[in-house]
Amino acid sequence: MKAYLDAVVTTLRGLLGDRLVGVYPAGSLAFDAYRPGRSDVDLVAVADDPDPAPVAAALSHEALPCPATGLEFVLYDRAVLAGLTTEAGFTLNLNTGRELPPKTETDPGDGPAFWYAIDRDIVHQQGRTLVGPPFASLVPRVTYGVLLPVVVSSVAAQAGPGGGDNAVLNACRALRYHALGSWAAKPDAGAWALDHAPAHREVIAEALASHARDRAAGTRIDAPRARAFLDHVLGRINGS
């Protein structure tokens, strides 16, 4: 994985030169919780006035094969990032890889923004960097009270059919954030939730077990139990 991350940084430096500000691990990488065969590579990059098109082309799986299940890459303009709170605000949102539906977005539009705000807060909390200054020096951290409604939206958005173990473990992560005000990797959040949502231990344990296998396993979570747990989490957070 290090060779791939180094290649991403080298590619961005070649394209952006001195305009590249920094590259930061998000998701499982930020927590040292990357699982081969299951995890994506999640990266956040920041640059001055970047052109998204050549970046998207250079980081595509066809140009730079990703050894993980896929690359989820978000690029921000430094000036825009500095003013963001809970907006999406990206210059490029790229999904590419052998198991990810391809996506190249250069305008956030009116789409859901919650994942971007949550990922930025995780990057803030973890303080990890591949290159560049601390992420905290580029944008203020959003306060708990401002971010919590965004967290609620992320759970509600996955409450429909087909969410699988990701929906369950994201809800565990949200419940833990609500209680503790900090983020954890999905497996750690699930382990925490076993003791803090005992009525839903069965579906949480099912999600943890499938998450330890491959991505296909995660789609076979019992849907009614998963929905009941997500409704429980929404009730707990909204009830407070």
C-alpha atoms as a PDB file:
ATOM      1  CA  MET A   1       0.000   0.000   0.000  1.00  0.00           C
ATOM      2  CA  LYS A   2       2.849   2.399   0.755  1.00  0.00           C
ATOM      3  CA  ALA A   3       4.066   2.105  -2.844  1.00  0.00           C
ATOM      4  CA  TYR A   4       0.613   3.065  -4.127  1.00  0.00           C
ATOM      5  CA  LEU A   5       0.273   6.013  -1.738  1.00  0.00           C
ATOM      6  CA  ASP A   6       3.743   7.208  -2.743  1.00  0.00           C
ATOM      7  CA  ALA A   7       2.710   6.915  -6.394  1.00  0.00           C
ATOM      8  CA  VAL A   8      -0.413   9.010  -5.778  1.00  0.00           C
ATOM      9  CA  VAL A   9       1.645  11.743  -4.116  1.00  0.00           C
ATOM     10  CA  THR A  10       4.251  11.630  -6.904  1.00  0.00           C
ATOM     11  CA  THR A  11       1.525  11.846  -9.538  1.00  0.00           C
ATOM     12  CA  LEU A  12      -0.092  14.839  -7.843  1.00  0.00           C
ATOM     13  CA  ARG A  13       3.250  16.589  -7.470  1.00  0.00           C
ATOM     14  CA  GLY A  14       3.946  16.021 -11.147  1.00  0.00           C
ATOM     15  CA  LEU A  15       0.610  17.520 -12.148  1.00  0.00           C
ATOM     16  CA  LEU A  16       0.284  20.325  -9.618  1.00  0.00           C
ATOM     17  CA  GLY A  17       3.868  21.203  -8.721  1.00  0.00           C
ATOM     18  CA  ASP A  18       4.066  23.874  -6.049  1.00  0.00           C
ATOM     19  CA  ARG A  19       0.273  24.217  -6.105  1.00  0.00           C
ATOM     20  CA  LEU A  20      -0.066  20.921  -4.240  1.00  0.00           C
ATOM     21  CA  VAL A  21      -0.619  21.788  -0.577  1.00  0.00           C
ATOM     22  CA  GLY A  22      -1.138  18.413   1.091  1.00  0.00           C
ATOM     23  CA  VAL A  23      -2.458  14.864   0.898  1.00  0.00           C
ATOM     24  CA  TYR A  24      -4.192  13.262   3.894  1.00  0.00           C
ATOM     25  CA  PRO A  25      -5.466   9.744   4.639  1.00  0.00           C
ATOM     26  CA  ALA A  26      -9.132   9.421   5.543  1.00  0.00           C
ATOM     27  CA  GLY A  27     -11.367   6.430   6.223  1.00  0.00           C
ATOM     28  CA  SER A  28      -9.736   3.210   7.371  1.00  0.00           C
ATOM     29  CA  LEU A  29      -6.258   4.436   6.469  1.00  0.00           C
ATOM     30  CA  ALA A  30      -6.548   7.274   8.974  1.00  0.00           C
ATOM     31  CA  PHE A  31      -7.224   4.738  11.738  1.00  0.00           C
ATOM     32  CA  ASP A  32      -4.660   2.125  10.645  1.00  0.00           C
ATOM     33  CA  ALA A  33      -7.681  -0.116  10.071  1.00  0.00           C
ATOM     34  CA  TYR A  34      -7.248  -0.856   6.363  1.00  0.00           C
ATOM     35  CA  ARG A  35      -8.361  -4.397   5.487  1.00  0.00           C
ATOM     36  CA  PRO A  36      -7.141  -5.913   2.186  1.00  0.00           C
ATOM     37  CA  GLY A  37     -10.014  -7.208   0.106  1.00  0.00           C
ATOM     38  CA  ARG A  38     -12.538  -5.058   1.934  1.00  0.00           C
ATOM     39  CA  SER A  39     -11.352  -1.465   2.470  1.00  0.00           C
ATOM     40  CA  ASP A  40     -11.119   1.351  -0.024  1.00  0.00           C
ATOM     41  CA  VAL A  41      -8.254   3.803  -0.080  1.00  0.00           C
ATOM     42  CA  ASP A  42      -9.714   7.124   1.088  1.00  0.00           C
ATOM     43  CA  LEU A  43      -7.609  10.228   0.460  1.00  0.00           C
ATOM     44  CA  VAL A  44      -8.170  13.966   0.781  1.00  0.00           C
ATOM     45  CA  ALA A  45      -5.924  16.346  -1.151  1.00  0.00           C
ATOM     46  CA  VAL A  46      -5.653  20.126  -1.098  1.00  0.00           C
ATOM     47  CA  ALA A  47      -4.176  22.372  -3.784  1.00  0.00           C
ATOM     48  CA  ASP A  48      -4.179  25.974  -4.939  1.00  0.00           C
ATOM     49  CA  ASP A  49      -6.532  26.506  -7.892  1.00  0.00           C
ATOM     50  CA  PRO A  50      -6.337  22.905  -9.148  1.00  0.00           C
ATOM     51  CA  ASP A  51      -7.635  21.743 -12.524  1.00  0.00           C
ATOM     52  CA  PRO A  52      -9.657  18.604 -11.719  1.00  0.00           C
ATOM     53  CA  ALA A  53      -9.693  16.995 -15.176  1.00  0.00           C
ATOM     54  CA  PRO A  54      -6.019  15.971 -15.446  1.00  0.00           C
ATOM     55  CA  VAL A  55      -6.016  14.848 -11.814  1.00  0.00           C
ATOM     56  CA  ALA A  56      -9.007  12.583 -12.424  1.00  0.00           C
ATOM     57  CA  ALA A  57      -7.383  11.108 -15.527  1.00  0.00           C
ATOM     58  CA  ALA A  58      -4.022  10.511 -13.851  1.00  0.00           C
ATOM     59  CA  LEU A  59      -5.516   8.830 -10.766  1.00  0.00           C
ATOM     60  CA  SER A  60      -8.007   6.649 -12.622  1.00  0.00           C
ATOM     61  CA  HIS A  61      -7.616   2.915 -12.089  1.00  0.00           C
ATOM     62  CA  GLU A  62      -6.665   2.560 -15.742  1.00  0.00           C
ATOM     63  CA  ALA A  63      -3.768   5.015 -15.396  1.00  0.00           C
ATOM     64  CA  LEU A  64      -2.679   4.126 -11.837  1.00  0.00           C
ATOM     65  CA  PRO A  65      -4.096   0.752 -10.748  1.00  0.00           C
ATOM     66  CA  CYS A  66      -5.330   0.780  -7.161  1.00  0.00           C
ATOM     67  CA  PRO A  67      -4.351  -2.328  -5.177  1.00  0.00           C
ATOM     68  CA  ALA A  68      -7.355  -1.932  -2.875  1.00  0.00           C
ATOM     69  CA  THR A  69     -10.995  -2.456  -3.749  1.00  0.00           C
ATOM     70  CA  GLY A  70     -11.005   1.128  -4.968  1.00  0.00           C
ATOM     71  CA  LEU A  71      -9.834   4.709  -4.504  1.00  0.00           C
ATOM     72  CA  GLU A  72     -12.131   7.356  -3.055  1.00  0.00           C
ATOM     73  CA  PHE A  73     -10.320  10.631  -3.649  1.00  0.00           C
ATOM     74  CA  VAL A  74     -11.525  14.139  -2.822  1.00  0.00           C
ATOM     75  CA  LEU A  75      -9.648  17.248  -3.948  1.00  0.00           C
ATOM     76  CA  TYR A  76     -10.223  20.688  -2.445  1.00  0.00           C
ATOM     77  CA  ASP A  77      -9.111  24.141  -3.471  1.00  0.00           C
ATOM     78  CA  ARG A  78      -7.297  25.587  -0.454  1.00  0.00           C
ATOM     79  CA  ALA A  79      -9.191  28.901  -0.564  1.00  0.00           C
ATOM     80  CA  VAL A  80     -12.572  27.152  -0.714  1.00  0.00           C
ATOM     81  CA  LEU A  81     -11.648  24.616   1.965  1.00  0.00           C
ATOM     82  CA  ALA A  82     -10.752  27.365   4.419  1.00  0.00           C
ATOM     83  CA  GLY A  83     -14.373  28.546   4.492  1.00  0.00           C
ATOM     84  CA  LEU A  84     -16.145  25.179   4.634  1.00  0.00           C
ATOM     85  CA  THR A  85     -18.205  23.940   7.561  1.00  0.00           C
ATOM     86  CA  THR A  86     -20.667  21.197   6.547  1.00  0.00           C
ATOM     87  CA  GLU A  87     -20.799  21.810   2.779  1.00  0.00           C
ATOM     88  CA  ALA A  88     -19.349  19.374   0.244  1.00  0.00           C
ATOM     89  CA  GLY A  89     -17.177  22.058  -1.324  1.00  0.00           C
ATOM     90  CA  PHE A  90     -14.947  19.772  -3.366  1.00  0.00           C
ATOM     91  CA  THR A  91     -13.206  20.521  -6.637  1.00  0.00           C
ATOM     92  CA  LEU A  92     -13.058  16.831  -7.550  1.00  0.00           C
ATOM     93  CA  ASN A  93     -14.781  13.760  -6.155  1.00  0.00           C
ATOM     94  CA  LEU A  94     -13.307  10.644  -7.776  1.00  0.00           C
ATOM     95  CA  ASN A  95     -14.246   7.000  -7.254  1.00  0.00           C
ATOM     96  CA  THR A  96     -12.219   4.496  -9.251  1.00  0.00           C
ATOM     97  CA  GLY A  97     -11.073   0.912  -8.882  1.00  0.00           C
ATOM     98  CA  ARG A  98     -11.917  -2.697  -9.542  1.00  0.00           C
ATOM     99  CA  GLU A  99     -14.933  -2.851  -7.185  1.00  0.00           C
ATOM    100  CA  LEU A 100     -16.158   0.755  -7.131  1.00  0.00           C
ATOM    101  CA  PRO A 101     -18.710   2.176  -9.558  1.00  0.00           C
ATOM    102  CA  PRO A 102     -16.729   4.878 -11.369  1.00  0.00           C
ATOM    103  CA  LYS A 103     -17.577   8.458 -10.476  1.00  0.00           C
ATOM    104  CA  THR A 104     -16.004  11.756 -11.469  1.00  0.00           C
ATOM    105  CA  GLU A 105     -17.705  14.850 -10.059  1.00  0.00           C
ATOM    106  CA  THR A 106     -16.375  18.394 -10.306  1.00  0.00           C
ATOM    107  CA  ASP A 107     -19.396  20.242  -8.948  1.00  0.00           C
ATOM    108  CA  PRO A 108     -21.040  19.302  -5.627  1.00  0.00           C
ATOM    109  CA  GLY A 109     -24.389  20.579  -6.852  1.00  0.00           C
ATOM    110  CA  ASP A 110     -27.285  19.802  -4.537  1.00  0.00           C
ATOM    111  CA  GLY A 111     -26.184  16.277  -3.664  1.00  0.00           C
ATOM    112  CA  PRO A 112     -25.707  14.980  -0.115  1.00  0.00           C
ATOM    113  CA  ALA A 113     -22.778  16.652   1.640  1.00  0.00           C
ATOM    114  CA  PHE A 114     -22.597  14.669   4.873  1.00  0.00           C
ATOM    115  CA  TRP A 115     -19.804  12.245   3.935  1.00  0.00           C
ATOM    116  CA  TYR A 116     -17.442  15.089   3.026  1.00  0.00           C
ATOM    117  CA  ALA A 117     -17.951  16.928   6.310  1.00  0.00           C
ATOM    118  CA  ILE A 118     -17.554  13.698   8.298  1.00  0.00           C
ATOM    119  CA  ASP A 119     -14.411  12.684   6.427  1.00  0.00           C
ATOM    120  CA  ARG A 120     -12.881  16.121   6.956  1.00  0.00           C
ATOM    121  CA  ASP A 121     -13.596  15.857  10.668  1.00  0.00           C
ATOM    122  CA  ILE A 122     -11.947  12.432  10.781  1.00  0.00           C
ATOM    123  CA  VAL A 123      -8.881  13.841   9.010  1.00  0.00           C
ATOM    124  CA  HIS A 124      -8.845  16.674  11.542  1.00  0.00           C
ATOM    125  CA  GLN A 125      -9.120  14.314  14.511  1.00  0.00           C
ATOM    126  CA  GLN A 126      -6.529  11.804  13.358  1.00  0.00           C
ATOM    127  CA  GLY A 127      -3.925  14.371  12.298  1.00  0.00           C
ATOM    128  CA  ARG A 128      -2.318  12.069   9.735  1.00  0.00           C
ATOM    129  CA  THR A 129      -0.554  13.413   6.657  1.00  0.00           C
ATOM    130  CA  LEU A 130       1.172  11.900   3.641  1.00  0.00           C
ATOM    131  CA  VAL A 131       2.629  15.252   2.633  1.00  0.00           C
ATOM    132  CA  GLY A 132       1.975  18.874   3.558  1.00  0.00           C
ATOM    133  CA  PRO A 133       1.107  20.897   6.644  1.00  0.00           C
ATOM    134  CA  PRO A 134      -1.339  19.695   9.318  1.00  0.00           C
ATOM    135  CA  PHE A 135      -4.893  19.603   7.990  1.00  0.00           C
ATOM    136  CA  ALA A 136      -5.958  21.614  11.029  1.00  0.00           C
ATOM    137  CA  SER A 137      -3.928  24.541   9.713  1.00  0.00           C
ATOM    138  CA  LEU A 138      -6.020  24.652   6.534  1.00  0.00           C
ATOM    139  CA  VAL A 139      -9.592  24.697   7.879  1.00  0.00           C
ATOM    140  CA  PRO A 140     -11.148  25.133  11.347  1.00  0.00           C
ATOM    141  CA  ARG A 141     -12.694  22.030  12.845  1.00  0.00           C
ATOM    142  CA  VAL A 142     -16.491  21.990  12.893  1.00  0.00           C
ATOM    143  CA  THR A 143     -17.964  21.956  16.383  1.00  0.00           C
ATOM    144  CA  TYR A 144     -19.863  18.949  17.708  1.00  0.00           C
ATOM    145  CA  GLY A 145     -23.178  20.817  17.768  1.00  0.00           C
ATOM    146  CA  VAL A 146     -22.863  21.825  14.118  1.00  0.00           C
ATOM    147  CA  LEU A 147     -21.692  18.416  12.905  1.00  0.00           C
ATOM    148  CA  LEU A 148     -24.180  16.232  14.801  1.00  0.00           C
ATOM    149  CA  PRO A 149     -27.153  16.996  12.481  1.00  0.00           C
ATOM    150  CA  VAL A 150     -24.899  16.032   9.568  1.00  0.00           C
ATOM    151  CA  VAL A 151     -24.172  12.729  11.305  1.00  0.00           C
ATOM    152  CA  VAL A 152     -27.916  12.166  11.709  1.00  0.00           C
ATOM    153  CA  SER A 153     -28.398  12.777   7.978  1.00  0.00           C
ATOM    154  CA  SER A 154     -25.745  10.186   7.161  1.00  0.00           C
ATOM    155  CA  VAL A 155     -27.593   7.534   9.163  1.00  0.00           C
ATOM    156  CA  ALA A 156     -31.003   8.456   7.761  1.00  0.00           C
ATOM    157  CA  ALA A 157     -29.665   8.245   4.203  1.00  0.00           C
ATOM    158  CA  GLN A 158     -28.690   4.606   4.729  1.00  0.00           C
ATOM    159  CA  ALA A 159     -31.925   3.545   6.386  1.00  0.00           C
ATOM    160  CA  GLY A 160     -33.387   2.200   3.157  1.00  0.00           C
ATOM    161  CA  PRO A 161     -32.867  -1.281   1.683  1.00  0.00           C
ATOM    162  CA  GLY A 162     -29.471  -2.504   0.569  1.00  0.00           C
ATOM    163  CA  GLY A 163     -27.235  -0.720   3.056  1.00  0.00           C
ATOM    164  CA  GLY A 164     -25.691  -3.914   4.377  1.00  0.00           C
ATOM    165  CA  ASP A 165     -22.967  -4.025   6.977  1.00  0.00           C
ATOM    166  CA  ASN A 166     -21.674  -0.572   6.020  1.00  0.00           C
ATOM    167  CA  ALA A 167     -24.991   0.955   7.035  1.00  0.00           C
ATOM    168  CA  VAL A 168     -24.950  -0.883  10.368  1.00  0.00           C
ATOM    169  CA  LEU A 169     -21.337  -0.006  11.175  1.00  0.00           C
ATOM    170  CA  ASN A 170     -21.756   3.599  10.060  1.00  0.00           C
ATOM    171  CA  ALA A 171     -24.693   3.788  12.467  1.00  0.00           C
ATOM    172  CA  CYS A 172     -22.461   2.348  15.214  1.00  0.00           C
ATOM    173  CA  ARG A 173     -19.907   5.019  14.399  1.00  0.00           C
ATOM    174  CA  ALA A 174     -22.585   7.716  14.545  1.00  0.00           C
ATOM    175  CA  LEU A 175     -23.901   6.461  17.888  1.00  0.00           C
ATOM    176  CA  ARG A 176     -20.377   6.493  19.303  1.00  0.00           C
ATOM    177  CA  TYR A 177     -19.781  10.014  17.982  1.00  0.00           C
ATOM    178  CA  HIS A 178     -23.017  11.125  19.622  1.00  0.00           C
ATOM    179  CA  ALA A 179     -21.897   9.670  22.945  1.00  0.00           C
ATOM    180  CA  LEU A 180     -18.203  10.517  22.947  1.00  0.00           C
ATOM    181  CA  GLY A 181     -17.723  13.287  20.390  1.00  0.00           C
ATOM    182  CA  SER A 182     -14.947  11.416  18.603  1.00  0.00           C
ATOM    183  CA  TRP A 183     -14.546   9.036  15.684  1.00  0.00           C
ATOM    184  CA  ALA A 184     -13.394   5.432  15.512  1.00  0.00           C
ATOM    185  CA  ALA A 185     -12.851   2.924  12.736  1.00  0.00           C
ATOM    186  CA  LYS A 186     -15.994   0.998  11.812  1.00  0.00           C
ATOM    187  CA  PRO A 187     -14.924  -2.286  13.492  1.00  0.00           C
ATOM    188  CA  ASP A 188     -13.982  -0.445  16.691  1.00  0.00           C
ATOM    189  CA  ALA A 189     -17.257   1.475  16.662  1.00  0.00           C
ATOM    190  CA  GLY A 190     -19.139  -1.788  16.168  1.00  0.00           C
ATOM    191  CA  ALA A 191     -17.342  -3.408  19.094  1.00  0.00           C
ATOM    192  CA  TRP A 192     -18.224  -0.380  21.238  1.00  0.00           C
ATOM    193  CA  ALA A 193     -21.868  -0.517  20.146  1.00  0.00           C
ATOM    194  CA  LEU A 194     -22.224  -4.164  21.213  1.00  0.00           C
ATOM    195  CA  ASP A 195     -22.211  -2.936  24.808  1.00  0.00           C
ATOM    196  CA  HIS A 196     -24.130   0.299  24.207  1.00  0.00           C
ATOM    197  CA  ALA A 197     -27.010  -1.039  22.112  1.00  0.00           C
ATOM    198  CA  PRO A 198     -27.488  -4.495  23.653  1.00  0.00           C
ATOM    199  CA  ALA A 199     -30.922  -5.025  22.142  1.00  0.00           C
ATOM    200  CA  HIS A 200     -29.289  -4.965  18.703  1.00  0.00           C
ATOM    201  CA  ARG A 201     -26.216  -7.061  19.449  1.00  0.00           C
ATOM    202  CA  GLU A 202     -27.198  -9.735  16.922  1.00  0.00           C
ATOM    203  CA  VAL A 203     -27.211  -7.480  13.861  1.00  0.00           C
ATOM    204  CA  ILE A 204     -24.114  -5.585  15.038  1.00  0.00           C
ATOM    205  CA  ALA A 205     -22.228  -8.859  15.476  1.00  0.00           C
ATOM    206  CA  GLU A 206     -23.444  -9.970  12.047  1.00  0.00           C
ATOM    207  CA  ALA A 207     -22.138  -6.737  10.515  1.00  0.00           C
ATOM    208  CA  LEU A 208     -18.769  -7.083  12.252  1.00  0.00           C
ATOM    209  CA  ALA A 209     -18.387 -10.649  11.016  1.00  0.00           C
ATOM    210  CA  SER A 210     -19.247  -9.816   7.413  1.00  0.00           C
ATOM    211  CA  HIS A 211     -17.025  -6.726   7.430  1.00  0.00           C
ATOM    212  CA  ALA A 212     -14.106  -8.997   8.310  1.00  0.00           C
ATOM    213  CA  ARG A 213     -14.734 -10.953   5.097  1.00  0.00           C
ATOM    214  CA  ASP A 214     -15.267  -9.416   1.650  1.00  0.00           C
ATOM    215  CA  ARG A 215     -17.523  -6.713   0.261  1.00  0.00           C
ATOM    216  CA  ALA A 216     -20.056  -9.184  -1.122  1.00  0.00           C
ATOM    217  CA  ALA A 217     -20.660 -10.606   2.342  1.00  0.00           C
ATOM    218  CA  GLY A 218     -21.764  -7.203   3.568  1.00  0.00           C
ATOM    219  CA  THR A 219     -24.789  -7.112   1.298  1.00  0.00           C
ATOM    220  CA  ARG A 220     -26.349 -10.134   3.009  1.00  0.00           C
ATOM    221  CA  ILE A 221     -27.104  -8.508   6.361  1.00  0.00           C
ATOM    222  CA  ASP A 222     -30.641  -9.124   7.619  1.00  0.00           C
ATOM    223  CA  ALA A 223     -32.431  -6.039   6.295  1.00  0.00           C
ATOM    224  CA  PRO A 224     -35.286  -5.747   8.848  1.00  0.00           C
ATOM    225  CA  ARG A 225     -32.875  -6.022  11.790  1.00  0.00           C
ATOM    226  CA  ALA A 226     -30.516  -3.518  10.185  1.00  0.00           C
ATOM    227  CA  ARG A 227     -33.371  -1.050   9.641  1.00  0.00           C
ATOM    228  CA  ALA A 228     -34.528  -1.496  13.235  1.00  0.00           C
ATOM    229  CA  PHE A 229     -31.044  -0.719  14.485  1.00  0.00           C
ATOM    230  CA  LEU A 230     -30.710   2.387  12.326  1.00  0.00           C
ATOM    231  CA  ASP A 231     -34.099   3.571  13.559  1.00  0.00           C
ATOM    232  CA  HIS A 232     -32.887   2.971  17.116  1.00  0.00           C
ATOM    233  CA  VAL A 233     -29.760   5.054  16.508  1.00  0.00           C
ATOM    234  CA  LEU A 234     -31.761   7.888  14.966  1.00  0.00           C
ATOM    235  CA  GLY A 235     -34.129   7.826  17.917  1.00  0.00           C
ATOM    236  CA  ARG A 236     -31.278   7.881  20.410  1.00  0.00           C
ATOM    237  CA  ILE A 237     -29.530  10.810  18.764  1.00  0.00           C
ATOM    238  CA  ASN A 238     -32.649  12.836  17.982  1.00  0.00           C
ATOM    239  CA  GLY A 239     -34.093  12.114  21.410  1.00  0.00           C
ATOM    240  CA  SER A 240     -31.147  13.791  23.099  1.00  0.00           C
END
